[in-house]
Amino acid sequence: MKATLFALAALAWGCSAPNSGPGLLQLTELSAREVGRGDKLEISGAGFPEGRVARLTFRGDVFRPGRAPALDVEIAIAARTSTPHMLEATIPEELVRAFCGRDDAAHATFRGDVTAAFAPRKSGAPPVAGSLQGVVLDIAPSHETEDNRALATQEGHRFAGFLGVTVSADGTGPVRIQKVEPQGRAAQVGLAAGDVIEELSGVRVGDVSDLVPPPRARTARLGLHRGSQSAAAVMAVDVAEFKPGTLSDLTPALALVGSALLLLLLALSPLGRFSTWLALAVSARSGGGGRKPHEQWLSVARGLSGALPSGAAAYFGVALGSAAIALGALSVPLVARELDLPILLLAAGSAAIVAGALSQVAQRGRFTPVSALRRAFWVVIAQLPLVSALLVGVLSVGSLRADDFAAAQAGMPWRFLAFASPIHFMALLLGVLALVPEATLPSSPSQSLPRAADRRLPALAAVEWTHLVICSGLLSVMLLGGFAVPWLSELDRVSSAGRMAVGAVLLVVKSFGLVLLVAALRWALGRVSVEQCGSALLRGALPAALLLPVAAKLWSVGAEGLVLSAYRGVIALALFVATALACLLVIRRLGQNLRLQRGEASINPWL
């Protein structure tokens, strides 16, 4: 019986061992108490295999002044052994953003455990790991502005006044109490002049800007160093009546009000009138459908299928474009990480220009240089709005690497660049609408809707669909989160091939969503060539293409200021909610038109 119990216990220990790995490493201490982006963090210990890459995992709680604590945070970075007794890691931007915040960056204090793990040499064996417990590490933000810091310092002095104390006024640490009001809250709990405030509710206080309690807190824990005492004193202070001057608590309410206002403005704008016309046009194209709701929507699906690829060559173009955009998510560079996105855009655009010129041969039966050059010119003009939309994303991130776009947009959908501001949202709309005119479609003197059967050569159709898929993928990478997985940090995503495959699937799904949107617009608006919508391109698309990058740059500069930096999160959430509600309203209106068999086949607004 004892032997059986011993065997079961050994089996249970063996099954759980691979999760944490055998504790064969000994970690002793960290080399620094405060780090920032690009700093070297060294961990001393014993048993480190030389020249091996380790996974350094931070598990614990993160505290920031004036913000609610983030509990049970876990993030991993790469580290490498420099000696058998030293492990070295470079602090990446992703770790700084995870701890300090993205839109409202502030100094953060991490309290928890640090685990170092090395992959086993034998396949199937558990990792070799060791932990350092009770770590306290300060992380400095990498993009805190002077205005934000001034606001935080002002809040710190306001909280000091709330306590009834006067602290060092130079804005730098240590924060020493200079004077205590006799009837103030600080005097009631025993604070005295000369005390040094070292901690406030988990945040290690380095200067006055850190002296702000969390929102909605009833009590705050103060850690003090007093005189010649070696041990720190801890006191609890009632802060229920202190109201921080930040917008973090008001974000949901402000976002709701902002989304309602944006939805009202959208309904009154030309986009609102266009959405109404679009619902009527789709209802007219579907032929009214049947009386049952599912039959009505099936009629829409059957009509939409006519705008999808037809023929093996077109589907080959879809597959080629999908493979090209998925390689970046799998960390397989086409040429170089910094050049892959521009090369994809240049290759797809050049192929579309050549195919547009050759399409005139299929239409006229012979090669006419004038008509070919005219079609190539209009294809170039049609590419400019798309290039402008992508340039807005590049100016916002400051990079051409797909990985940087994924890191900048990691998280929930309202963190996508498309919802960063109305300018970014208009850039996405401009990029999508620029893909509606077709580069290789033969021109027709008729402006009726819809168009007759496709008479293009199979090779031209393949180029057209390859161009559409690649450009949709580029818009997804730069403005719709790319291959970032919402529930994973960028470092965790690249930690395994399976997680990278999930990111690639998400990118392909987003790209196909844009492809289907463009196909639906082509079907509803009526398929037109770039020459037929030349007036719309010259009067509307080109001016917008020139203005949007300038407006995006001005917005980026203004977003670093005190006002916009406080409202960026509210604006993003309001734009996302307003967009979702607008899509639901368009679908509801379309359903009503189908049910009432109401629609109109008016002139294509592109013409």
Foldseek 3Di string as FASTA:
>chain_A
DVVVVVVVVVVVCVVPCQVQHDAPWFWDDWPDQEDEAFDKIKIFTADDDAFFKKKKKAFAKKDAFQADIDGGDIDIDIWHDPDRGMIMDGHHLLVQCVRQNFLLGGKMKGFFKIKIWTDDPDPPHHTHMHMDTGRIHIYGHDQAFPQSLVLLLVLLQVVCVQQQFDWDDPFFDQTFTQDHDCPGQCVVFPDDGGKTWQDKQRGGDGGSSRNHHYPQDQKIWTWIDHDPDPHIDITITGCNPPHGPACPVVLVVLLVVLLVVVLVVCCVDVNVVVLLQLLQLLLVQLPLFDQDLVRLVVSSVVLLVQLDDDDPLLVVLQVVLLVLLLCLLLVNAPPDQQCSLVVLLVVLLVLLLQLLLCLVCLVPVHRDVVNSVVLSVLSVLLCLLLVLLLLLLCLQQVGRGLLSLLQQQAADQLSFQCQLAVLNVVSLVLNLVSLQAFSNFDADPDQFPADDDGRGDSNSSSSSSNSLLNSLLSCCSRGGNQLHDNVDHSNVQVPDSVSSVSSSVVSSVSSVVSVSVSSSCCRSLYHHHSVLLVVCSVPPSVVSSVVSNVVSNVVSVVCSHDVNSSCSSSSSSSSVVSVVVVVVVSVVSSSVCSNVSGHDRDGRPSD
